[in-house]
């Protein structure tokens, strides 16, 4: 009977170690999921709404959507400066990083970053791709409809 007792206790300690290891891995995965979800939930605001907030508010980790003001783009080596507007107000934006190929004047963009005294410091820049399926306005862009003989 003494020979069976050590095997039972070693089996129990093996299960206990496995359970503790499993709980540690589960907790680590939970922390990673929580951090990822928290980073994905960035506050979205319009340019005029951003300017209405006082600078002492928490203006970090914001997403701002707008249109690039024509003639405002200033590209210097690794720094891009431009003005972003929502049609009512505009803000200066500074971005350091890879510039998307679709970025340009009158283009729709989303910037993510923080508002400072100097303007919006973007850590992320996403340019909207123009749709090739947009309908032409005022009848432009296509042949006139064929008329049926009377």
N, C-alpha and C. Protein backbone atom coordinates (compact mmCIF):
# COMPACT_ATOMS: atom_id res chain seq x y z
N UNK A 1 0.81 -1.19 0.00
CA UNK A 1 0.00 0.00 0.00
C UNK A 1 0.85 1.25 0.00
N UNK A 2 2.01 1.19 0.62
CA UNK A 2 2.88 2.36 0.63
C UNK A 2 3.38 2.71 -0.76
N UNK A 3 3.53 1.70 -1.63
CA UNK A 3 4.02 1.97 -2.98
C UNK A 3 2.97 2.67 -3.83
N UNK A 4 1.66 2.50 -3.53
CA UNK A 4 0.60 3.17 -4.29
C UNK A 4 0.42 4.62 -3.86
N UNK A 5 0.69 4.91 -2.62
CA UNK A 5 0.48 6.25 -2.09
C UNK A 5 1.33 7.31 -2.80
N UNK A 6 2.62 7.11 -3.04
CA UNK A 6 3.42 8.12 -3.74
C UNK A 6 2.93 8.35 -5.18
N UNK A 7 2.46 7.34 -5.87
CA UNK A 7 1.99 7.53 -7.24
C UNK A 7 0.72 8.35 -7.27
N UNK A 8 -0.17 8.18 -6.30
CA UNK A 8 -1.39 8.99 -6.24
C UNK A 8 -1.07 10.45 -5.96
N UNK A 9 -0.14 10.69 -5.04
CA UNK A 9 0.21 12.08 -4.72
C UNK A 9 0.96 12.73 -5.88
N UNK A 10 1.80 11.97 -6.59
CA UNK A 10 2.51 12.55 -7.73
C UNK A 10 1.53 12.82 -8.88
N UNK A 11 0.51 11.99 -9.02
CA UNK A 11 -0.51 12.23 -10.04
C UNK A 11 -1.31 13.49 -9.70
N UNK A 12 -1.62 13.66 -8.42
CA UNK A 12 -2.35 14.86 -7.99
C UNK A 12 -1.51 16.11 -8.20
N UNK A 13 -0.22 16.03 -7.84
CA UNK A 13 0.63 17.21 -8.01
C UNK A 13 0.83 17.52 -9.50
N UNK A 14 0.86 16.50 -10.34
CA UNK A 14 0.96 16.72 -11.79
C UNK A 14 -0.27 17.43 -12.33
N UNK A 15 -1.46 17.01 -11.87
CA UNK A 15 -2.71 17.68 -12.28
C UNK A 15 -2.75 19.11 -11.76
N UNK A 16 -2.29 19.30 -10.53
CA UNK A 16 -2.29 20.65 -9.95
C UNK A 16 -1.35 21.56 -10.74
N UNK A 17 -0.18 21.05 -11.11
CA UNK A 17 0.75 21.85 -11.92
C UNK A 17 0.14 22.19 -13.28
N UNK A 18 -0.50 21.20 -13.89
CA UNK A 18 -1.14 21.43 -15.18
C UNK A 18 -2.23 22.49 -15.06
N UNK A 19 -3.05 22.40 -14.02
CA UNK A 19 -4.13 23.35 -13.80
C UNK A 19 -3.58 24.76 -13.57
N UNK A 20 -2.54 24.89 -12.78
CA UNK A 20 -1.92 26.20 -12.51
C UNK A 20 -1.34 26.77 -13.81
N UNK A 21 -0.66 25.94 -14.57
CA UNK A 21 -0.10 26.40 -15.86
C UNK A 21 -1.19 26.84 -16.81
N UNK A 22 -2.28 26.07 -16.87
CA UNK A 22 -3.41 26.42 -17.74
C UNK A 22 -4.03 27.75 -17.32
N UNK A 23 -4.19 27.97 -16.03
CA UNK A 23 -4.76 29.23 -15.55
C UNK A 23 -3.86 30.42 -15.85
N UNK A 24 -2.55 30.23 -15.77
CA UNK A 24 -1.61 31.31 -16.10
C UNK A 24 -1.72 31.66 -17.58
N UNK A 25 -1.75 30.65 -18.44
CA UNK A 25 -1.88 30.89 -19.89
C UNK A 25 -3.22 31.57 -20.18
N UNK A 26 -4.29 31.13 -19.56
CA UNK A 26 -5.61 31.72 -19.76
C UNK A 26 -5.63 33.18 -19.32
N UNK A 27 -5.00 33.49 -18.21
CA UNK A 27 -4.93 34.88 -17.74
C UNK A 27 -4.13 35.74 -18.71
N UNK A 28 -3.03 35.22 -19.24
CA UNK A 28 -2.21 35.97 -20.20
C UNK A 28 -3.00 36.27 -21.47
N UNK A 29 -3.73 35.29 -21.97
CA UNK A 29 -4.56 35.50 -23.16
C UNK A 29 -5.65 36.53 -22.87
N UNK A 30 -6.24 36.47 -21.70
CA UNK A 30 -7.26 37.45 -21.32
C UNK A 30 -6.72 38.87 -21.29
N UNK A 31 -5.51 39.05 -20.76
CA UNK A 31 -4.88 40.37 -20.72
C UNK A 31 -4.64 40.88 -22.14
N UNK A 32 -4.13 40.02 -23.02
CA UNK A 32 -3.87 40.43 -24.41
C UNK A 32 -5.16 40.81 -25.14
N UNK A 33 -6.22 40.06 -24.94
CA UNK A 33 -7.50 40.37 -25.57
C UNK A 33 -8.04 41.70 -25.05
N UNK A 34 -7.96 41.91 -23.75
CA UNK A 34 -8.45 43.16 -23.16
C UNK A 34 -7.68 44.36 -23.70
N UNK A 35 -6.36 44.26 -23.76
CA UNK A 35 -5.54 45.37 -24.28
C UNK A 35 -5.84 45.64 -25.75
N UNK A 36 -5.99 44.59 -26.52
CA UNK A 36 -6.30 44.76 -27.94
C UNK A 36 -7.66 45.41 -28.15
N UNK A 37 -8.64 45.00 -27.38
CA UNK A 37 -9.98 45.59 -27.49
C UNK A 37 -9.96 47.04 -27.04
N UNK A 38 -9.21 47.35 -26.01
CA UNK A 38 -9.14 48.73 -25.52
C UNK A 38 -8.47 49.63 -26.55
N UNK A 39 -7.43 49.14 -27.22
CA UNK A 39 -6.75 49.93 -28.24
C UNK A 39 -7.62 50.11 -29.48
N UNK A 40 -8.50 49.17 -29.76
CA UNK A 40 -9.36 49.26 -30.93
C UNK A 40 -10.51 50.23 -30.71
N UNK A 41 -10.84 50.54 -29.48
CA UNK A 41 -11.95 51.44 -29.18
C UNK A 41 -11.45 52.87 -29.04
N UNK A 42 -11.06 53.46 -30.16
CA UNK A 42 -10.57 54.83 -30.15
C UNK A 42 -11.73 55.75 -30.46
N UNK A 43 -11.82 56.85 -29.73
CA UNK A 43 -12.92 57.80 -29.87
C UNK A 43 -12.86 58.47 -31.24
N UNK A 44 -13.99 58.58 -31.94
CA UNK A 44 -14.09 59.16 -33.27
C UNK A 44 -14.79 60.50 -33.17
N UNK A 45 -14.23 61.55 -33.78
CA UNK A 45 -14.79 62.89 -33.65
C UNK A 45 -14.58 63.67 -34.95
N UNK A 46 -15.48 64.61 -35.23
CA UNK A 46 -15.34 65.49 -36.40
C UNK A 46 -14.40 66.64 -36.05
N UNK A 47 -13.88 67.30 -37.08
CA UNK A 47 -12.93 68.40 -36.87
C UNK A 47 -13.56 69.50 -36.03
N UNK A 48 -14.78 69.92 -36.37
CA UNK A 48 -15.43 71.00 -35.60
C UNK A 48 -15.73 70.56 -34.17
N UNK A 49 -16.06 69.30 -33.96
CA UNK A 49 -16.28 68.79 -32.61
C UNK A 49 -15.00 68.77 -31.79
N UNK A 50 -13.89 68.47 -32.45
CA UNK A 50 -12.60 68.47 -31.77
C UNK A 50 -12.21 69.88 -31.35
N UNK A 51 -12.43 70.86 -32.21
CA UNK A 51 -12.08 72.24 -31.89
C UNK A 51 -12.98 72.84 -30.82
N UNK A 52 -14.17 72.28 -30.64
CA UNK A 52 -15.09 72.76 -29.61
C UNK A 52 -14.67 72.31 -28.21
N UNK A 53 -13.83 71.28 -28.13
CA UNK A 53 -13.37 70.78 -26.83
C UNK A 53 -12.23 71.64 -26.31
N UNK A 54 -12.19 71.91 -25.00
CA UNK A 54 -11.04 72.64 -24.44
C UNK A 54 -9.79 71.76 -24.48
N UNK A 55 -8.64 72.39 -24.66
CA UNK A 55 -7.38 71.65 -24.77
C UNK A 55 -7.01 70.91 -23.50
N UNK A 56 -7.57 71.29 -22.35
CA UNK A 56 -7.22 70.59 -21.12
C UNK A 56 -7.95 69.26 -20.98
N UNK A 57 -8.94 68.99 -21.85
CA UNK A 57 -9.59 67.68 -21.85
C UNK A 57 -8.59 66.63 -22.31
N UNK A 58 -8.95 65.36 -22.10
CA UNK A 58 -8.10 64.26 -22.56
C UNK A 58 -8.26 64.13 -24.07
N UNK A 59 -7.34 64.71 -24.81
CA UNK A 59 -7.43 64.71 -26.26
C UNK A 59 -6.36 63.83 -26.87
N UNK A 60 -6.14 62.68 -26.25
CA UNK A 60 -5.16 61.71 -26.73
C UNK A 60 -5.92 60.47 -27.19
N UNK A 61 -5.43 59.81 -28.21
CA UNK A 61 -6.08 58.60 -28.70
C UNK A 61 -7.38 58.88 -29.41
N UNK A 62 -7.39 59.90 -30.25
CA UNK A 62 -8.59 60.29 -30.99
C UNK A 62 -8.47 59.90 -32.45
N UNK A 63 -9.61 59.65 -33.08
CA UNK A 63 -9.68 59.48 -34.53
C UNK A 63 -10.50 60.63 -35.08
N UNK A 64 -9.94 61.30 -36.08
CA UNK A 64 -10.60 62.44 -36.70
C UNK A 64 -10.73 62.16 -38.19
N UNK A 65 -11.93 62.39 -38.72
CA UNK A 65 -12.18 62.17 -40.14
C UNK A 65 -12.42 63.51 -40.80
N UNK A 66 -11.88 63.67 -41.99
CA UNK A 66 -12.09 64.90 -42.73
C UNK A 66 -11.53 64.82 -44.13
N UNK A 67 -11.45 65.99 -44.77
CA UNK A 67 -10.96 66.10 -46.14
C UNK A 67 -9.71 66.97 -46.12
N UNK A 68 -8.72 66.59 -46.91
CA UNK A 68 -7.48 67.36 -47.00
C UNK A 68 -7.76 68.66 -47.75
N UNK A 69 -7.39 69.79 -47.15
CA UNK A 69 -7.60 71.10 -47.75
C UNK A 69 -6.65 71.25 -48.94
N UNK A 70 -7.18 71.58 -50.14
CA UNK A 70 -6.31 71.75 -51.31
C UNK A 70 -5.27 72.84 -51.07
N UNK A 71 -4.04 72.56 -51.50
CA UNK A 71 -2.95 73.52 -51.36
C UNK A 71 -2.28 73.54 -50.00
N UNK A 72 -2.72 72.69 -49.09
CA UNK A 72 -2.16 72.72 -47.73
C UNK A 72 -1.11 71.65 -47.48
N UNK A 73 -0.86 70.77 -48.44
CA UNK A 73 0.07 69.66 -48.23
C UNK A 73 1.51 70.15 -48.31
N UNK A 74 2.30 69.82 -47.27
CA UNK A 74 3.72 70.16 -47.21
C UNK A 74 4.48 68.90 -46.83
N UNK A 75 5.16 68.30 -47.82
CA UNK A 75 5.93 67.07 -47.58
C UNK A 75 7.39 67.41 -47.40
N UNK A 76 7.93 67.02 -46.28
CA UNK A 76 9.36 67.18 -46.00
C UNK A 76 9.87 65.81 -45.60
N UNK A 77 10.97 65.39 -46.12
CA UNK A 77 11.56 64.07 -45.90
C UNK A 77 10.62 63.07 -45.23
N UNK A 78 10.60 63.01 -43.92
CA UNK A 78 9.77 62.03 -43.21
C UNK A 78 8.59 62.65 -42.50
N UNK A 79 8.31 63.92 -42.78
CA UNK A 79 7.21 64.63 -42.10
C UNK A 79 6.22 65.13 -43.14
N UNK A 80 4.95 64.89 -42.86
CA UNK A 80 3.88 65.37 -43.72
C UNK A 80 3.02 66.33 -42.90
N UNK A 81 2.80 67.52 -43.44
CA UNK A 81 1.93 68.50 -42.79
C UNK A 81 0.83 68.87 -43.78
N UNK A 82 -0.40 68.97 -43.27
CA UNK A 82 -1.53 69.36 -44.10
C UNK A 82 -2.64 69.87 -43.20
N UNK A 83 -3.67 70.44 -43.81
CA UNK A 83 -4.84 70.88 -43.06
C UNK A 83 -5.99 69.93 -43.36
N UNK A 84 -6.75 69.64 -42.32
CA UNK A 84 -7.89 68.74 -42.40
C UNK A 84 -9.14 69.53 -42.10
N UNK A 85 -10.19 69.35 -42.91
CA UNK A 85 -11.43 70.09 -42.71
C UNK A 85 -12.63 69.16 -42.76
N UNK A 86 -13.70 69.61 -42.10
CA UNK A 86 -14.98 68.91 -42.21
C UNK A 86 -15.98 69.77 -42.97
N UNK A 87 -15.49 70.83 -43.61
CA UNK A 87 -16.35 71.75 -44.35
C UNK A 87 -16.70 72.98 -43.54
N UNK A 88 -16.54 72.90 -42.23
CA UNK A 88 -16.85 74.02 -41.35
C UNK A 88 -15.57 74.60 -40.75
N UNK A 89 -14.77 73.74 -40.13
CA UNK A 89 -13.54 74.14 -39.46
C UNK A 89 -12.38 73.35 -40.06
N UNK A 90 -11.15 73.82 -39.80
CA UNK A 90 -9.98 73.06 -40.24
C UNK A 90 -8.91 73.08 -39.14
N UNK A 91 -8.08 72.04 -39.13
CA UNK A 91 -6.99 71.93 -38.16
C UNK A 91 -5.71 71.54 -38.89
N UNK A 92 -4.56 72.03 -38.40
CA UNK A 92 -3.29 71.58 -38.97
C UNK A 92 -2.95 70.19 -38.42
N UNK A 93 -2.45 69.32 -39.31
CA UNK A 93 -2.10 67.96 -38.93
C UNK A 93 -0.63 67.73 -39.27
N UNK A 94 0.09 67.09 -38.36
CA UNK A 94 1.47 66.68 -38.60
C UNK A 94 1.53 65.17 -38.46
N UNK A 95 2.11 64.51 -39.47
CA UNK A 95 2.20 63.05 -39.47
C UNK A 95 3.62 62.63 -39.84
N UNK A 96 4.14 61.68 -39.10
CA UNK A 96 5.46 61.10 -39.39
C UNK A 96 5.26 59.62 -39.65
N UNK A 97 5.56 59.19 -40.85
CA UNK A 97 5.39 57.79 -41.18
C UNK A 97 5.20 57.59 -42.67
N UNK A 98 4.81 56.39 -43.03
CA UNK A 98 4.59 56.04 -44.43
C UNK A 98 3.30 56.68 -44.90
N UNK A 99 3.39 57.40 -46.03
CA UNK A 99 2.22 58.09 -46.58
C UNK A 99 1.52 57.15 -47.55
N UNK A 100 0.21 56.92 -47.37
CA UNK A 100 -0.51 56.04 -48.29
C UNK A 100 -0.49 56.58 -49.72
N UNK A 101 -0.48 55.69 -50.70
CA UNK A 101 -0.48 56.09 -52.11
C UNK A 101 -1.73 56.87 -52.47
N UNK A 102 -2.84 56.61 -51.80
CA UNK A 102 -4.10 57.26 -52.13
C UNK A 102 -4.26 58.62 -51.46
N UNK A 103 -3.27 59.06 -50.69
CA UNK A 103 -3.35 60.36 -50.03
C UNK A 103 -3.15 61.47 -51.05
N UNK A 104 -4.01 62.50 -50.98
CA UNK A 104 -3.87 63.64 -51.89
C UNK A 104 -4.85 64.74 -51.53
N UNK A 105 -4.77 65.84 -52.28
CA UNK A 105 -5.65 66.98 -52.04
C UNK A 105 -7.11 66.58 -52.29
N UNK A 106 -8.00 67.14 -51.50
CA UNK A 106 -9.44 66.85 -51.56
C UNK A 106 -9.77 65.40 -51.25
N UNK A 107 -8.80 64.65 -50.74
CA UNK A 107 -9.03 63.25 -50.40
C UNK A 107 -9.54 63.11 -48.98
N UNK A 108 -10.39 62.11 -48.79
CA UNK A 108 -10.93 61.84 -47.46
C UNK A 108 -9.90 61.03 -46.67
N UNK A 109 -9.63 61.45 -45.43
CA UNK A 109 -8.66 60.74 -44.60
C UNK A 109 -9.18 60.59 -43.18
N UNK A 110 -8.61 59.62 -42.49
CA UNK A 110 -8.84 59.43 -41.05
C UNK A 110 -7.46 59.47 -40.40
N UNK A 111 -7.32 60.33 -39.40
CA UNK A 111 -6.06 60.42 -38.66
C UNK A 111 -6.31 60.01 -37.21
N UNK A 112 -5.32 59.37 -36.63
CA UNK A 112 -5.42 58.95 -35.23
C UNK A 112 -4.23 59.50 -34.49
N UNK A 113 -4.48 60.10 -33.33
CA UNK A 113 -3.39 60.68 -32.56
C UNK A 113 -3.89 61.55 -31.43
N UNK A 114 -3.21 62.69 -31.23
CA UNK A 114 -3.53 63.57 -30.10
C UNK A 114 -3.55 65.02 -30.54
N UNK A 115 -4.42 65.80 -29.90
CA UNK A 115 -4.50 67.24 -30.16
C UNK A 115 -3.53 67.95 -29.22
N UNK A 116 -2.72 68.85 -29.79
CA UNK A 116 -1.76 69.62 -29.00
C UNK A 116 -1.98 71.11 -29.28
N UNK A 117 -1.18 71.95 -28.66
CA UNK A 117 -1.27 73.40 -28.90
C UNK A 117 -0.96 73.72 -30.36
N UNK A 118 -0.05 72.96 -30.98
CA UNK A 118 0.37 73.22 -32.36
C UNK A 118 -0.59 72.65 -33.39
N UNK A 119 -1.48 71.78 -32.99
CA UNK A 119 -2.41 71.14 -33.92
C UNK A 119 -2.54 69.67 -33.59
N UNK A 120 -2.92 68.89 -34.58
CA UNK A 120 -3.14 67.46 -34.37
C UNK A 120 -1.88 66.69 -34.74
N UNK A 121 -1.35 65.94 -33.80
CA UNK A 121 -0.17 65.09 -34.03
C UNK A 121 -0.67 63.69 -34.33
N UNK A 122 -0.61 63.29 -35.60
CA UNK A 122 -1.14 62.00 -36.02
C UNK A 122 -0.08 60.91 -35.91
N UNK A 123 -0.47 59.79 -35.34
CA UNK A 123 0.40 58.62 -35.29
C UNK A 123 -0.02 57.59 -36.32
N UNK A 124 -1.20 57.80 -36.93
CA UNK A 124 -1.75 56.88 -37.93
C UNK A 124 -2.50 57.70 -38.96
N UNK A 125 -2.34 57.37 -40.23
CA UNK A 125 -3.01 58.07 -41.32
C UNK A 125 -3.58 57.04 -42.28
N UNK A 126 -4.87 57.15 -42.54
CA UNK A 126 -5.52 56.25 -43.48
C UNK A 126 -6.26 57.10 -44.51
N UNK A 127 -5.97 56.87 -45.79
CA UNK A 127 -6.63 57.61 -46.86
C UNK A 127 -7.68 56.73 -47.50
N UNK A 128 -8.84 57.32 -47.76
CA UNK A 128 -9.94 56.58 -48.38
C UNK A 128 -9.62 56.39 -49.86
N UNK A 129 -9.87 55.19 -50.34
CA UNK A 129 -9.68 54.91 -51.76
C UNK A 129 -10.86 55.46 -52.54
N UNK A 130 -10.61 56.17 -53.64
CA UNK A 130 -11.73 56.65 -54.45
C UNK A 130 -12.41 55.46 -55.11
N UNK A 131 -13.72 55.49 -55.15
CA UNK A 131 -14.47 54.38 -55.73
C UNK A 131 -14.57 54.55 -57.24
N UNK A 132 -14.27 53.50 -57.97
CA UNK A 132 -14.41 53.57 -59.42
C UNK A 132 -15.84 53.26 -59.84
N UNK A 133 -16.70 53.00 -58.89
CA UNK A 133 -18.08 52.68 -59.20
C UNK A 133 -19.03 53.81 -58.89
N UNK A 134 -18.51 54.99 -58.54
CA UNK A 134 -19.39 56.12 -58.23
C UNK A 134 -20.07 56.59 -59.50
N UNK A 135 -21.33 56.94 -59.39
CA UNK A 135 -22.10 57.40 -60.54
C UNK A 135 -21.65 58.80 -60.94
N UNK A 136 -21.65 59.06 -62.23
CA UNK A 136 -21.32 60.39 -62.72
C UNK A 136 -22.51 61.31 -62.49
N UNK A 137 -22.23 62.58 -62.21
CA UNK A 137 -23.28 63.56 -61.93
C UNK A 137 -23.67 64.30 -63.21
N UNK A 138 -24.87 64.82 -63.26
CA UNK A 138 -25.38 65.65 -64.35
C UNK A 138 -25.29 64.97 -65.71
N UNK A 139 -25.44 63.68 -65.76
CA UNK A 139 -25.46 62.99 -67.03
C UNK A 139 -24.11 62.87 -67.70
N UNK A 140 -23.04 63.21 -67.01
CA UNK A 140 -21.71 63.13 -67.60
C UNK A 140 -21.19 61.71 -67.55
N UNK A 141 -20.33 61.38 -68.48
CA UNK A 141 -19.59 60.14 -68.37
C UNK A 141 -20.11 58.99 -69.19
N UNK A 142 -21.21 59.12 -69.85
CA UNK A 142 -21.71 57.99 -70.62
C UNK A 142 -22.42 58.45 -71.87
N UNK A 143 -22.62 57.53 -72.80
CA UNK A 143 -23.33 57.90 -74.01
C UNK A 143 -24.80 58.15 -73.71
N UNK A 144 -25.46 58.95 -74.54
CA UNK A 144 -26.89 59.17 -74.31
C UNK A 144 -27.66 57.88 -74.51
N UNK A 145 -28.78 57.72 -73.82
CA UNK A 145 -29.55 56.49 -73.99
C UNK A 145 -30.07 56.39 -75.42
N UNK A 146 -30.10 55.17 -75.93
CA UNK A 146 -30.59 54.95 -77.30
C UNK A 146 -32.09 55.20 -77.34
N UNK A 147 -32.50 55.88 -78.40
CA UNK A 147 -33.94 56.14 -78.54
C UNK A 147 -34.55 55.11 -79.46
N UNK A 148 -35.79 54.76 -79.17
CA UNK A 148 -36.50 53.76 -79.98
C UNK A 148 -37.16 54.47 -81.16
N UNK A 149 -37.15 53.85 -82.31
CA UNK A 149 -37.84 54.47 -83.45
C UNK A 149 -39.33 54.54 -83.20
N UNK A 150 -39.92 55.62 -83.69
CA UNK A 150 -41.35 55.82 -83.46
C UNK A 150 -42.19 55.18 -84.50
